């Protein structure tokens, strides 16, 4: 498997894990910052909106509300990066 594809899969796993945590720790925010400054542009596109959300709302309940409010912008960025297809974006 190409290294870039492997990095993207690992980043997705980390980011989806952050979404399910009740509180995102400072250590995990640091990990998300590292992902947001990756050399892989798809990883950056995926991590940047999540970093913004986690920094604004580290608690899960607040994070869910903020994520819903930012849904269209996040999905548009992920579609542009090729992480979501147009069909997936429309389903959300």
N, C-alpha and C. Protein backbone atom coordinates (compact mmCIF):
# COMPACT_ATOMS: atom_id res chain seq x y z
N UNK A 1 0.85 -1.18 0.00
CA UNK A 1 0.00 0.00 0.00
C UNK A 1 0.90 1.24 0.00
N UNK A 2 0.58 2.23 -0.85
CA UNK A 2 1.38 3.46 -0.88
C UNK A 2 1.37 4.17 0.47
N UNK A 3 2.49 4.80 0.79
CA UNK A 3 2.65 5.47 2.08
C UNK A 3 1.59 6.56 2.28
N UNK A 4 1.29 7.32 1.22
CA UNK A 4 0.31 8.40 1.32
C UNK A 4 -1.07 7.85 1.68
N UNK A 5 -1.45 6.74 1.06
CA UNK A 5 -2.75 6.11 1.34
C UNK A 5 -2.79 5.60 2.78
N UNK A 6 -1.69 5.01 3.23
CA UNK A 6 -1.61 4.51 4.60
C UNK A 6 -1.72 5.65 5.62
N UNK A 7 -1.06 6.79 5.33
CA UNK A 7 -1.15 7.95 6.22
C UNK A 7 -2.59 8.46 6.31
N UNK A 8 -3.27 8.48 5.19
CA UNK A 8 -4.65 8.95 5.17
C UNK A 8 -5.54 8.04 6.01
N UNK A 9 -5.38 6.74 5.88
CA UNK A 9 -6.18 5.79 6.65
C UNK A 9 -5.91 5.95 8.14
N UNK A 10 -4.65 6.09 8.52
CA UNK A 10 -4.30 6.27 9.93
C UNK A 10 -4.87 7.59 10.46
N UNK A 11 -4.80 8.63 9.66
CA UNK A 11 -5.34 9.94 10.07
C UNK A 11 -6.85 9.85 10.26
N UNK A 12 -7.54 9.18 9.36
CA UNK A 12 -8.98 9.01 9.49
C UNK A 12 -9.32 8.28 10.78
N UNK A 13 -8.57 7.24 11.08
CA UNK A 13 -8.81 6.50 12.33
C UNK A 13 -8.65 7.41 13.54
N UNK A 14 -7.57 8.20 13.57
CA UNK A 14 -7.34 9.11 14.69
C UNK A 14 -8.48 10.12 14.81
N UNK A 15 -8.85 10.70 13.71
CA UNK A 15 -9.86 11.77 13.73
C UNK A 15 -11.21 11.23 14.15
N UNK A 16 -11.60 10.08 13.64
CA UNK A 16 -12.89 9.50 14.02
C UNK A 16 -12.88 9.10 15.49
N UNK A 17 -11.71 8.73 16.00
CA UNK A 17 -11.59 8.43 17.43
C UNK A 17 -11.82 9.69 18.26
N UNK A 18 -11.27 10.82 17.81
CA UNK A 18 -11.47 12.08 18.52
C UNK A 18 -12.95 12.44 18.61
N UNK A 19 -13.68 12.17 17.55
CA UNK A 19 -15.10 12.51 17.54
C UNK A 19 -15.88 11.74 18.60
N UNK A 20 -15.46 10.53 18.90
CA UNK A 20 -16.21 9.71 19.84
C UNK A 20 -15.78 9.91 21.30
N UNK A 21 -14.68 10.60 21.54
CA UNK A 21 -14.21 10.80 22.90
C UNK A 21 -15.08 11.81 23.64
N UNK A 22 -15.30 11.57 24.93
CA UNK A 22 -16.10 12.51 25.71
C UNK A 22 -15.34 13.82 25.96
N UNK A 23 -14.02 13.74 26.04
CA UNK A 23 -13.18 14.93 26.20
C UNK A 23 -11.89 14.70 25.44
N UNK A 24 -11.52 15.63 24.59
CA UNK A 24 -10.28 15.51 23.83
C UNK A 24 -9.18 16.18 24.65
N UNK A 25 -8.18 15.39 25.03
CA UNK A 25 -7.10 15.88 25.89
C UNK A 25 -6.15 16.79 25.12
N UNK A 26 -5.32 17.51 25.86
CA UNK A 26 -4.31 18.38 25.25
C UNK A 26 -3.35 17.57 24.38
N UNK A 27 -3.02 16.36 24.83
CA UNK A 27 -2.14 15.49 24.06
C UNK A 27 -2.76 15.13 22.71
N UNK A 28 -4.05 14.87 22.71
CA UNK A 28 -4.73 14.53 21.47
C UNK A 28 -4.91 15.75 20.57
N UNK A 29 -5.06 16.93 21.15
CA UNK A 29 -5.11 18.16 20.36
C UNK A 29 -3.76 18.35 19.66
N UNK A 30 -2.68 18.07 20.38
CA UNK A 30 -1.35 18.16 19.79
C UNK A 30 -1.21 17.18 18.62
N UNK A 31 -1.70 15.96 18.78
CA UNK A 31 -1.67 14.97 17.70
C UNK A 31 -2.48 15.47 16.49
N UNK A 32 -3.61 16.06 16.75
CA UNK A 32 -4.45 16.59 15.68
C UNK A 32 -3.76 17.77 14.98
N UNK A 33 -3.03 18.59 15.75
CA UNK A 33 -2.25 19.68 15.15
C UNK A 33 -1.18 19.12 14.21
N UNK A 34 -0.54 18.03 14.65
CA UNK A 34 0.47 17.40 13.80
C UNK A 34 -0.15 16.89 12.51
N UNK A 35 -1.33 16.30 12.62
CA UNK A 35 -2.02 15.82 11.42
C UNK A 35 -2.39 16.99 10.51
N UNK A 36 -2.80 18.10 11.09
CA UNK A 36 -3.21 19.27 10.31
C UNK A 36 -2.03 19.94 9.62
N UNK A 37 -0.81 19.64 10.03
CA UNK A 37 0.37 20.20 9.38
C UNK A 37 1.16 19.13 8.62
N UNK A 38 0.49 18.06 8.27
CA UNK A 38 1.09 16.95 7.54
C UNK A 38 1.52 17.37 6.14
N UNK A 39 2.41 16.59 5.53
CA UNK A 39 2.81 16.81 4.15
C UNK A 39 1.77 16.28 3.18
N UNK A 40 0.89 15.42 3.67
CA UNK A 40 -0.18 14.84 2.85
C UNK A 40 -1.36 15.80 2.83
N UNK A 41 -1.67 16.35 1.68
CA UNK A 41 -2.72 17.37 1.59
C UNK A 41 -4.09 16.84 1.98
N UNK A 42 -4.36 15.56 1.72
CA UNK A 42 -5.66 15.00 2.12
C UNK A 42 -5.77 14.90 3.63
N UNK A 43 -4.68 14.56 4.29
CA UNK A 43 -4.67 14.50 5.76
C UNK A 43 -4.93 15.90 6.32
N UNK A 44 -4.30 16.90 5.74
CA UNK A 44 -4.49 18.29 6.18
C UNK A 44 -5.95 18.70 5.99
N UNK A 45 -6.53 18.38 4.83
CA UNK A 45 -7.93 18.72 4.55
C UNK A 45 -8.87 18.04 5.53
N UNK A 46 -8.54 16.85 5.96
CA UNK A 46 -9.38 16.11 6.90
C UNK A 46 -9.19 16.62 8.33
N UNK A 47 -7.96 16.88 8.71
CA UNK A 47 -7.66 17.23 10.10
C UNK A 47 -7.96 18.69 10.45
N UNK A 48 -7.78 19.60 9.53
CA UNK A 48 -7.92 21.02 9.84
C UNK A 48 -9.30 21.40 10.38
N UNK A 49 -10.40 21.00 9.73
CA UNK A 49 -11.71 21.35 10.30
C UNK A 49 -11.94 20.70 11.67
N UNK A 50 -11.43 19.49 11.84
CA UNK A 50 -11.62 18.82 13.13
C UNK A 50 -10.81 19.48 14.22
N UNK A 51 -9.62 19.97 13.88
CA UNK A 51 -8.82 20.71 14.86
C UNK A 51 -9.56 21.96 15.30
N UNK A 52 -10.15 22.65 14.34
CA UNK A 52 -10.92 23.86 14.64
C UNK A 52 -12.07 23.54 15.60
N UNK A 53 -12.76 22.46 15.35
CA UNK A 53 -13.90 22.06 16.19
C UNK A 53 -13.43 21.66 17.58
N UNK A 54 -12.39 20.83 17.64
CA UNK A 54 -11.90 20.32 18.93
C UNK A 54 -11.35 21.45 19.79
N UNK A 55 -10.69 22.42 19.17
CA UNK A 55 -10.17 23.54 19.95
C UNK A 55 -11.31 24.41 20.49
N UNK A 56 -12.37 24.54 19.71
CA UNK A 56 -13.50 25.37 20.14
C UNK A 56 -14.37 24.64 21.15
N UNK A 57 -14.44 23.32 21.04
CA UNK A 57 -15.34 22.54 21.89
C UNK A 57 -14.72 21.18 22.24
N UNK A 58 -13.88 21.14 23.28
CA UNK A 58 -13.23 19.88 23.64
C UNK A 58 -14.18 18.83 24.23
N UNK A 59 -15.33 19.25 24.74
CA UNK A 59 -16.30 18.32 25.31
C UNK A 59 -17.23 17.79 24.22
N UNK A 60 -17.61 16.54 24.34
CA UNK A 60 -18.36 15.87 23.27
C UNK A 60 -19.68 16.55 22.94
N UNK A 61 -20.46 16.89 23.95
CA UNK A 61 -21.77 17.47 23.69
C UNK A 61 -21.66 18.78 22.90
N UNK A 62 -20.76 19.64 23.32
CA UNK A 62 -20.54 20.91 22.62
C UNK A 62 -20.00 20.64 21.21
N UNK A 63 -19.12 19.65 21.11
CA UNK A 63 -18.50 19.31 19.84
C UNK A 63 -19.53 18.82 18.83
N UNK A 64 -20.49 18.03 19.28
CA UNK A 64 -21.53 17.53 18.39
C UNK A 64 -22.36 18.70 17.85
N UNK A 65 -22.73 19.62 18.71
CA UNK A 65 -23.52 20.78 18.29
C UNK A 65 -22.73 21.61 17.28
N UNK A 66 -21.47 21.87 17.58
CA UNK A 66 -20.63 22.67 16.69
C UNK A 66 -20.41 21.95 15.36
N UNK A 67 -20.22 20.65 15.38
CA UNK A 67 -20.02 19.88 14.16
C UNK A 67 -21.25 19.96 13.26
N UNK A 68 -22.42 19.87 13.84
CA UNK A 68 -23.66 19.99 13.05
C UNK A 68 -23.74 21.38 12.43
N UNK A 69 -23.39 22.40 13.19
CA UNK A 69 -23.44 23.76 12.68
C UNK A 69 -22.45 23.97 11.52
N UNK A 70 -21.31 23.27 11.57
CA UNK A 70 -20.28 23.43 10.56
C UNK A 70 -20.33 22.35 9.47
N UNK A 71 -21.33 21.50 9.53
CA UNK A 71 -21.43 20.33 8.66
C UNK A 71 -21.20 20.63 7.18
N UNK A 72 -21.90 21.60 6.64
CA UNK A 72 -21.79 21.89 5.21
C UNK A 72 -20.38 22.31 4.81
N UNK A 73 -19.77 23.15 5.64
CA UNK A 73 -18.42 23.63 5.33
C UNK A 73 -17.41 22.49 5.40
N UNK A 74 -17.53 21.65 6.42
CA UNK A 74 -16.61 20.52 6.57
C UNK A 74 -16.79 19.54 5.41
N UNK A 75 -18.01 19.19 5.09
CA UNK A 75 -18.27 18.25 4.00
C UNK A 75 -17.79 18.81 2.67
N UNK A 76 -17.94 20.11 2.45
CA UNK A 76 -17.46 20.72 1.21
C UNK A 76 -15.94 20.62 1.11
N UNK A 77 -15.24 20.86 2.23
CA UNK A 77 -13.78 20.74 2.23
C UNK A 77 -13.36 19.30 1.97
N UNK A 78 -14.05 18.35 2.58
CA UNK A 78 -13.69 16.94 2.41
C UNK A 78 -14.01 16.46 1.00
N UNK A 79 -15.07 16.98 0.41
CA UNK A 79 -15.40 16.62 -0.97
C UNK A 79 -14.35 17.19 -1.92
N UNK A 80 -13.95 18.43 -1.67
CA UNK A 80 -12.92 19.08 -2.48
C UNK A 80 -11.60 18.32 -2.41
N UNK A 81 -11.29 17.77 -1.24
CA UNK A 81 -10.05 17.03 -1.06
C UNK A 81 -10.14 15.60 -1.59
N UNK A 82 -11.34 15.18 -1.97
CA UNK A 82 -11.51 13.83 -2.49
C UNK A 82 -11.74 12.79 -1.42
N UNK A 83 -11.97 13.23 -0.19
CA UNK A 83 -12.19 12.31 0.92
C UNK A 83 -13.62 11.80 0.89
N UNK A 84 -14.55 12.66 0.51
CA UNK A 84 -15.95 12.27 0.31
C UNK A 84 -16.27 12.43 -1.17
N UNK A 85 -17.15 11.58 -1.66
CA UNK A 85 -17.61 11.77 -3.03
C UNK A 85 -18.84 12.69 -2.98
N UNK A 86 -19.23 13.22 -4.12
CA UNK A 86 -20.41 14.08 -4.17
C UNK A 86 -21.65 13.34 -3.69
N UNK A 87 -21.76 12.04 -3.99
CA UNK A 87 -22.91 11.26 -3.54
C UNK A 87 -22.95 11.15 -2.02
N UNK A 88 -21.80 10.94 -1.41
CA UNK A 88 -21.74 10.85 0.05
C UNK A 88 -22.10 12.18 0.69
N UNK A 89 -21.64 13.29 0.09
CA UNK A 89 -21.94 14.62 0.61
C UNK A 89 -23.44 14.87 0.58
N UNK A 90 -24.10 14.48 -0.50
CA UNK A 90 -25.54 14.69 -0.62
C UNK A 90 -26.31 13.86 0.40
N UNK A 91 -25.78 12.68 0.76
CA UNK A 91 -26.45 11.81 1.74
C UNK A 91 -26.38 12.38 3.15
N UNK A 92 -25.39 13.21 3.42
CA UNK A 92 -25.20 13.77 4.75
C UNK A 92 -26.10 14.92 4.89
